Amino acid sequence: MTTDLYCVMGHPVAHSQSPWIHSRFAELTGQDIRYTKRHIPLDHFDNSVRAFIEEGGHGCNITVPFKFEAATLATHTSERGLLAQACNILTFDNGRIEADNTDGLGLVDDIEQNAGLPLHGKRVLLMGAGGAAAGVLGPLIHAHPAHISVANRTLHKAAALVARHLALAALQNVELEAHDLKGLEGQFDIVINGTASSLGGHGVPVDARVMKPGALAYDMMYGAGAKPFMDWARAHGAVPRDGLGMLVSQAAEAFNIWRGVMPPAGQVLAELRCHLSLA
């Protein structure tokens, strides 16, 4: 029996917890895999994927900044991936490169199952319109909140992302709007940071009054990158949450696509938080 090869590709990728997560999934489900991380030069994504396929790779996770390129490279793309136009998982099967996006599934699972907050009927603010936001908007709509505002520094990017999802939103009876970050009105039950503002050390780009008292303030990042947003949210009376649970839950969805078995994401999340606190 051969060990199946998987990896995560990104730039940077040294910080990635994906190898630890997938190795633990494999231990708990009896799967024989080897999962590594690969730092990919910015202009070598296509060649790096094809080289990994030649090595016998079965699939890879894709992180920043290659999610848009992954969607373009694929020969077959899921409905989620087509809507997002960004993909975080590639599967290699008999010459096919199959792309999907499990980020939004992971986000919804973490909010509803781990944080215990149903999205149904809520008012949601999604900040950002890049690959991170694009990957989660569809699954957020499927969770049936009453309203979603997508807000971005450049309004046209938010408007383009919203336009792709209007038909789905209408089908699910979800009010969906695009705004710039300075033009927000009303208050929200859930505020999701899908911008790179924390990465760049900038301040949080919205007024704290957009959050209802006790709102969930969710940063899709984790670790040091999530701290500025979470500190800001806590100081203004919101409940902060980082994206570590989203990372584990999206990885569980990817593992299920590859291996046909759903690993225990909740258990692995608890173990990972302990692992990181001791690191």
Protein backbone atom coordinates (compact mmCIF):
# COMPACT_ATOMS: atom_id res chain seq x y z
CA MET A 1 0.00 0.00 0.00
CA THR A 2 1.38 3.42 -0.97
CA THR A 3 1.14 6.59 1.06
CA ASP A 4 -0.93 9.25 -0.74
CA LEU A 5 0.67 12.67 -1.12
CA TYR A 6 -1.01 16.01 -0.34
CA CYS A 7 0.27 19.51 0.38
CA VAL A 8 -0.63 23.13 0.98
CA MET A 9 0.74 25.74 -1.44
CA GLY A 10 1.09 29.41 -0.60
CA HIS A 11 3.33 32.47 -0.41
CA PRO A 12 4.11 32.61 2.48
CA VAL A 13 3.29 29.18 3.88
CA ALA A 14 5.73 28.62 6.76
CA HIS A 15 3.04 29.58 9.31
CA SER A 16 0.50 27.07 7.97
CA GLN A 17 -1.07 24.62 10.42
CA SER A 18 -2.54 22.52 7.60
CA PRO A 19 0.06 19.71 7.80
CA TRP A 20 -0.61 19.29 11.53
CA ILE A 21 -4.39 19.34 10.98
CA HIS A 22 -4.47 16.86 8.10
CA SER A 23 -1.97 14.53 9.75
CA ARG A 24 -4.19 14.46 12.84
CA PHE A 25 -7.27 13.85 10.69
CA ALA A 26 -5.46 10.91 9.10
CA GLU A 27 -4.50 9.44 12.47
CA LEU A 28 -8.06 9.66 13.76
CA THR A 29 -9.64 8.15 10.63
CA GLY A 30 -7.01 5.53 9.75
CA GLN A 31 -5.95 7.12 6.46
CA ASP A 32 -2.45 6.66 5.03
CA ILE A 33 -1.34 10.08 3.80
CA ARG A 34 1.68 12.38 3.85
CA TYR A 35 0.93 16.10 3.91
CA THR A 36 3.57 18.81 3.50
CA LYS A 37 3.72 22.55 2.90
CA ARG A 38 5.30 24.19 -0.14
CA HIS A 39 6.37 27.80 -0.49
CA ILE A 40 5.65 28.74 -4.11
CA PRO A 41 7.32 31.67 -5.94
CA LEU A 42 4.71 34.17 -7.06
CA ASP A 43 5.10 33.44 -10.77
CA HIS A 44 5.48 29.65 -10.48
CA PHE A 45 2.07 28.46 -9.28
CA ASP A 46 1.01 26.68 -12.48
CA ASN A 47 4.35 24.89 -12.88
CA SER A 48 4.44 23.98 -9.18
CA VAL A 49 1.02 22.33 -9.33
CA ARG A 50 1.93 20.35 -12.43
CA ALA A 51 5.24 19.28 -10.85
CA PHE A 52 3.37 18.05 -7.77
CA ILE A 53 1.04 16.04 -9.99
CA GLU A 54 4.08 14.47 -11.67
CA GLU A 55 5.38 13.49 -8.22
CA GLY A 56 2.16 11.56 -7.65
CA GLY A 57 0.30 14.19 -5.64
CA HIS A 58 -3.39 13.49 -5.03
CA GLY A 59 -4.47 16.98 -4.02
CA CYS A 60 -3.47 20.26 -2.47
CA ASN A 61 -4.87 23.08 -0.42
CA ILE A 62 -4.33 26.58 -1.76
CA THR A 63 -3.77 29.64 0.39
CA VAL A 64 -2.90 33.27 -0.35
CA PRO A 65 -2.24 34.58 -2.91
CA PHE A 66 -3.05 31.73 -5.32
CA LYS A 67 -6.80 31.08 -4.87
CA PHE A 68 -7.78 32.96 -8.03
CA GLU A 69 -5.05 31.20 -10.03
CA ALA A 70 -6.25 27.83 -8.73
CA ALA A 71 -9.72 28.50 -10.11
CA THR A 72 -8.24 29.40 -13.50
CA LEU A 73 -5.93 26.38 -13.63
CA ALA A 74 -8.66 23.80 -12.98
CA THR A 75 -10.18 21.67 -15.71
CA HIS A 76 -13.33 21.10 -13.63
CA THR A 77 -14.70 23.49 -10.99
CA SER A 78 -17.51 23.04 -8.46
CA GLU A 79 -20.51 25.38 -8.35
CA ARG A 80 -19.07 26.93 -5.18
CA GLY A 81 -15.76 27.55 -6.91
CA LEU A 82 -17.39 29.02 -10.00
CA LEU A 83 -19.42 31.45 -7.93
CA ALA A 84 -16.43 32.48 -5.82
CA GLN A 85 -14.00 32.54 -8.78
CA ALA A 86 -11.45 31.49 -6.16
CA CYS A 87 -10.60 27.98 -4.94
CA ASN A 88 -8.77 26.62 -1.91
CA ILE A 89 -8.62 22.93 -2.85
CA LEU A 90 -7.41 21.05 -5.92
CA THR A 91 -7.93 17.33 -6.50
CA PHE A 92 -6.00 15.42 -9.16
CA ASP A 93 -7.78 12.50 -10.79
CA ASN A 94 -6.79 10.79 -14.07
CA GLY A 95 -5.61 13.96 -15.77
CA ARG A 96 -8.39 16.13 -14.30
CA ILE A 97 -7.65 19.08 -12.03
CA GLU A 98 -10.80 19.52 -9.94
CA ALA A 99 -11.23 22.74 -7.97
CA ASP A 100 -13.53 23.56 -5.08
CA ASN A 101 -13.82 26.08 -2.26
CA THR A 102 -14.49 24.87 1.28
CA ASP A 103 -13.70 28.17 3.04
CA GLY A 104 -17.33 29.24 3.37
CA LEU A 105 -18.43 25.83 4.63
CA GLY A 106 -15.73 26.10 7.29
CA LEU A 107 -16.78 29.61 8.29
CA VAL A 108 -20.46 28.73 8.62
CA ASP A 109 -19.65 25.56 10.57
CA ASP A 110 -17.43 27.45 13.01
CA ILE A 111 -19.99 30.20 13.62
CA GLU A 112 -22.98 27.90 13.96
CA GLN A 113 -21.50 24.75 15.53
CA ASN A 114 -18.46 25.93 17.48
CA ALA A 115 -19.59 29.44 18.44
CA GLY A 116 -23.21 28.29 18.74
CA LEU A 117 -24.70 31.23 16.83
CA PRO A 118 -27.27 30.43 14.11
CA LEU A 119 -26.93 32.69 11.08
CA HIS A 120 -30.62 32.38 10.21
CA GLY A 121 -32.35 35.76 10.35
CA LYS A 122 -29.21 37.70 11.32
CA ARG A 123 -27.78 40.90 9.84
CA VAL A 124 -24.25 40.18 8.61
CA LEU A 125 -21.46 42.55 7.55
CA LEU A 126 -18.73 40.99 5.40
CA MET A 127 -15.71 43.30 5.09
CA GLY A 128 -13.56 42.76 2.01
CA ALA A 129 -14.12 41.66 -1.57
CA GLY A 130 -10.98 39.66 -2.34
CA GLY A 131 -10.42 35.92 -2.42
CA ALA A 132 -11.23 35.42 1.27
CA ALA A 133 -14.60 37.17 1.05
CA ALA A 134 -15.43 35.65 -2.34
CA GLY A 135 -14.95 32.16 -0.96
CA VAL A 136 -17.43 32.56 1.89
CA LEU A 137 -20.28 34.67 0.49
CA GLY A 138 -22.16 31.80 -1.18
CA PRO A 139 -22.26 29.54 1.90
CA LEU A 140 -23.20 32.54 4.07
CA ILE A 141 -26.22 33.12 1.81
CA HIS A 142 -27.15 29.43 2.05
CA ALA A 143 -27.27 29.84 5.86
CA HIS A 144 -30.29 32.19 5.42
CA PRO A 145 -29.38 35.37 7.25
CA ALA A 146 -31.90 38.18 6.76
CA HIS A 147 -29.33 40.58 5.30
CA ILE A 148 -25.70 40.63 4.16
CA SER A 149 -23.76 43.81 3.40
CA VAL A 150 -20.48 43.35 1.54
CA ALA A 151 -18.26 46.36 2.21
CA ASN A 152 -14.91 47.16 0.63
CA ARG A 153 -12.56 50.13 0.34
CA THR A 154 -13.28 50.18 -3.40
CA LEU A 155 -17.01 49.95 -3.95
CA HIS A 156 -16.80 48.50 -7.46
CA LYS A 157 -15.11 45.32 -6.18
CA ALA A 158 -17.84 44.81 -3.58
CA ALA A 159 -20.48 45.50 -6.23
CA ALA A 160 -18.95 42.93 -8.60
CA LEU A 161 -18.88 40.27 -5.88
CA VAL A 162 -22.47 41.02 -4.91
CA ALA A 163 -23.63 40.98 -8.55
CA ARG A 164 -22.38 37.39 -8.97
CA HIS A 165 -24.43 36.31 -5.96
CA LEU A 166 -27.68 38.24 -6.48
CA ALA A 167 -29.53 35.34 -8.10
CA LEU A 168 -28.57 33.00 -5.25
CA ALA A 169 -29.54 35.62 -2.67
CA ALA A 170 -32.94 36.10 -4.30
CA LEU A 171 -33.47 32.34 -4.36
CA GLN A 172 -32.64 32.09 -0.65
CA ASN A 173 -34.63 35.25 0.21
CA VAL A 174 -31.55 37.04 1.57
CA GLU A 175 -31.16 40.81 1.19
CA LEU A 176 -27.71 41.43 -0.32
CA GLU A 177 -26.06 44.84 -0.75
CA ALA A 178 -22.67 46.34 -1.63
CA HIS A 179 -21.16 49.33 0.19
CA ASP A 180 -17.88 51.10 0.61
CA LEU A 181 -16.46 50.85 4.11
CA LYS A 182 -17.28 54.45 4.97
CA GLY A 183 -20.87 54.32 3.72
CA LEU A 184 -22.31 51.70 6.05
CA GLU A 185 -25.66 52.24 7.73
CA GLY A 186 -27.45 50.29 10.42
CA GLN A 187 -26.09 47.75 12.88
CA PHE A 188 -25.09 44.13 12.45
CA ASP A 189 -25.33 40.99 14.56
CA ILE A 190 -22.20 39.51 12.97
CA VAL A 191 -19.21 41.41 11.55
CA ILE A 192 -16.74 39.31 9.56
CA ASN A 193 -13.30 40.68 8.70
CA GLY A 194 -12.20 39.29 5.36
CA THR A 195 -9.80 42.15 4.58
CA ALA A 196 -6.03 42.14 4.74
CA SER A 197 -6.04 45.14 7.09
CA SER A 198 -4.68 43.13 10.01
CA LEU A 199 -1.85 41.83 7.84
CA GLY A 200 -0.76 45.34 6.95
CA GLY A 201 -0.98 46.76 10.45
CA HIS A 202 -3.69 49.27 9.49
CA GLY A 203 -6.53 50.21 11.81
CA VAL A 204 -9.93 48.54 11.55
CA PRO A 205 -11.57 50.26 8.56
CA VAL A 206 -15.13 50.70 9.92
CA ASP A 207 -16.82 52.62 12.71
CA ALA A 208 -17.47 50.48 15.79
CA ARG A 209 -21.09 51.65 15.79
CA VAL A 210 -21.86 49.15 13.01
CA MET A 211 -21.78 46.41 15.66
CA LYS A 212 -24.83 45.72 17.78
CA PRO A 213 -24.05 45.38 21.51
CA GLY A 214 -22.68 41.88 22.02
CA ALA A 215 -22.25 41.28 18.28
CA LEU A 216 -19.98 38.49 17.07
CA ALA A 217 -16.82 40.02 15.56
CA TYR A 218 -15.11 37.35 13.48
CA ASP A 219 -11.66 37.64 11.92
CA MET A 220 -11.00 35.05 9.22
CA MET A 221 -7.33 35.12 10.22
CA TYR A 222 -5.88 33.51 13.34
CA GLY A 223 -2.85 34.05 15.54
CA ALA A 224 -1.09 37.42 15.63
CA GLY A 225 -2.79 38.56 12.44
CA ALA A 226 -6.23 38.44 14.06
CA LYS A 227 -5.23 40.28 17.24
CA PRO A 228 -5.78 43.92 16.14
CA PHE A 229 -9.34 43.27 14.97
CA MET A 230 -10.18 41.13 17.98
CA ASP A 231 -8.76 43.70 20.42
CA TRP A 232 -10.77 46.44 18.69
CA ALA A 233 -13.95 44.35 18.84
CA ARG A 234 -13.48 43.47 22.51
CA ALA A 235 -12.86 47.13 23.41
CA HIS A 236 -16.18 48.06 21.82
CA GLY A 237 -18.32 45.44 23.55
CA ALA A 238 -18.38 42.76 20.86
CA VAL A 239 -17.55 39.06 21.22
CA PRO A 240 -14.32 38.41 19.27
CA ARG A 241 -13.50 35.15 17.50
CA ASP A 242 -10.54 34.23 15.33
CA GLY A 243 -10.54 32.06 12.22
CA LEU A 244 -8.83 28.98 13.64
CA GLY A 245 -12.10 27.07 13.78
CA MET A 246 -12.82 28.04 10.19
CA LEU A 247 -9.37 26.72 9.22
CA VAL A 248 -10.02 23.35 10.84
CA SER A 249 -13.58 23.03 9.52
CA GLN A 250 -12.65 23.92 5.93
CA ALA A 251 -9.80 21.41 6.19
CA ALA A 252 -12.27 18.76 7.36
CA GLU A 253 -14.44 19.43 4.30
CA ALA A 254 -11.38 19.14 2.05
CA PHE A 255 -10.30 15.91 3.78
CA ASN A 256 -13.78 14.49 3.20
CA ILE A 257 -13.61 15.38 -0.51
CA TRP A 258 -10.24 13.64 -0.83
CA ARG A 259 -10.73 10.62 1.44
CA GLY A 260 -14.50 10.11 1.63
CA VAL A 261 -14.60 10.33 5.42
CA MET A 262 -15.46 13.31 7.62
CA PRO A 263 -12.92 13.73 10.44
CA PRO A 264 -13.85 15.04 13.92
CA ALA A 265 -13.23 18.76 13.37
CA GLY A 266 -14.34 19.81 16.85
CA GLN A 267 -11.88 17.47 18.56
CA VAL A 268 -9.00 18.54 16.32
CA LEU A 269 -9.80 22.24 16.86
CA ALA A 270 -9.58 21.78 20.63
CA GLU A 271 -6.30 19.90 20.26
CA LEU A 272 -4.89 22.54 17.90
CA ARG A 273 -5.69 25.41 20.27
CA CYS A 274 -3.90 23.49 23.02
CA HIS A 275 -0.99 22.71 20.68
CA LEU A 276 -0.59 26.38 19.71
CA SER A 277 -0.83 27.60 23.30
CA LEU A 278 2.07 25.32 24.23
CA ALA A 279 4.18 26.15 21.16
